[in-house]
Amino acid sequence: MSIDDILQIVTVVSASLAIVAILLQQRGASLGAGFGSSGELYTTRRGIDKSLFDATVVLSVIFVLSILVGLILPAFR
């Protein structure tokens, strides 16, 4: 396996897991939230919600870094 293959696998897996993590989050899902009147107070994230948010951020950073490395890597060959 070459480094290009590994980068492609990391990109696809991190994108898929980030999509799942984003879809699992439940925050402001009402129609009024789209127009600015959500009708609920801001609360801090706790427990599994915080862990899921942190995992989403980490997966998104891995996704972006794998794309950037994939773009920069051919310049050094």
Protein backbone atom coordinates (compact mmCIF):
# COMPACT_ATOMS: atom_id res chain seq x y z
CA MET A 1 0.00 0.00 0.00
CA SER A 2 1.29 3.40 -0.91
CA ILE A 3 0.87 6.59 1.08
CA ASP A 4 -1.72 7.78 -1.44
CA ASP A 5 -3.89 4.74 -0.76
CA ILE A 6 -3.62 5.26 2.99
CA LEU A 7 -4.56 8.94 2.65
CA GLN A 8 -7.60 8.07 0.56
CA ILE A 9 -8.75 5.51 3.13
CA VAL A 10 -8.24 7.99 6.00
CA THR A 11 -10.17 10.67 4.09
CA VAL A 12 -13.14 8.43 3.30
CA VAL A 13 -13.33 6.92 6.80
CA SER A 14 -13.03 10.27 8.58
CA ALA A 15 -15.65 11.83 6.30
CA SER A 16 -18.07 8.96 6.87
CA LEU A 17 -17.62 9.01 10.64
CA ALA A 18 -17.96 12.82 10.74
CA ILE A 19 -21.25 12.60 8.84
CA VAL A 20 -22.57 10.02 11.31
CA ALA A 21 -21.41 12.12 14.28
CA ILE A 22 -23.07 15.24 12.89
CA LEU A 23 -26.33 13.42 12.24
CA LEU A 24 -26.38 11.99 15.77
CA GLN A 25 -26.29 15.43 17.36
CA GLN A 26 -29.67 16.76 18.48
CA ARG A 27 -29.61 20.52 18.81
CA GLY A 28 -32.25 23.01 17.61
CA ALA A 29 -34.04 20.71 15.19
CA SER A 30 -37.28 22.71 15.02
CA LEU A 31 -38.34 24.76 11.99
CA GLY A 32 -38.37 27.98 14.01
CA ALA A 33 -34.68 27.53 14.79
CA GLY A 34 -33.90 28.13 11.12
CA PHE A 35 -35.49 31.56 11.29
CA GLY A 36 -33.80 32.67 14.49
CA SER A 37 -36.53 31.96 17.05
CA SER A 38 -35.56 28.65 18.57
CA GLY A 39 -37.51 29.25 21.78
CA GLU A 40 -34.98 27.56 24.05
CA LEU A 41 -32.16 28.78 26.23
CA TYR A 42 -28.53 28.01 25.57
CA THR A 43 -27.28 25.18 27.74
CA THR A 44 -23.80 23.76 28.07
CA ARG A 45 -22.96 20.39 26.61
CA ARG A 46 -22.61 17.56 29.09
CA GLY A 47 -21.98 13.85 29.01
CA ILE A 48 -22.40 12.05 25.71
CA ASP A 49 -23.39 15.26 23.92
CA LYS A 50 -20.02 16.83 24.76
CA SER A 51 -18.14 13.68 23.79
CA LEU A 52 -19.99 13.52 20.48
CA PHE A 53 -19.25 17.20 19.81
CA ASP A 54 -15.55 16.70 20.58
CA ALA A 55 -15.41 13.62 18.35
CA THR A 56 -17.03 15.60 15.53
CA VAL A 57 -14.40 18.32 15.82
CA VAL A 58 -11.54 15.79 15.86
CA LEU A 59 -12.93 13.89 12.85
CA SER A 60 -13.38 17.13 10.92
CA VAL A 61 -9.80 18.19 11.62
CA ILE A 62 -8.50 14.77 10.52
CA PHE A 63 -10.59 15.02 7.34
CA VAL A 64 -9.27 18.48 6.44
CA LEU A 65 -5.65 17.57 7.26
CA SER A 66 -5.81 14.41 5.16
CA ILE A 67 -7.06 16.44 2.19
CA LEU A 68 -4.33 19.06 2.65
CA VAL A 69 -1.62 16.41 2.92
CA GLY A 70 -3.01 14.75 -0.20
CA LEU A 71 -2.77 18.05 -2.07
CA ILE A 72 0.69 19.00 -0.82
CA LEU A 73 2.32 15.56 -1.06
CA PRO A 74 2.58 15.41 -4.89
CA ALA A 75 4.50 18.71 -4.88
CA PHE A 76 7.40 17.00 -3.09
CA ARG A 77 7.76 14.18 -5.59
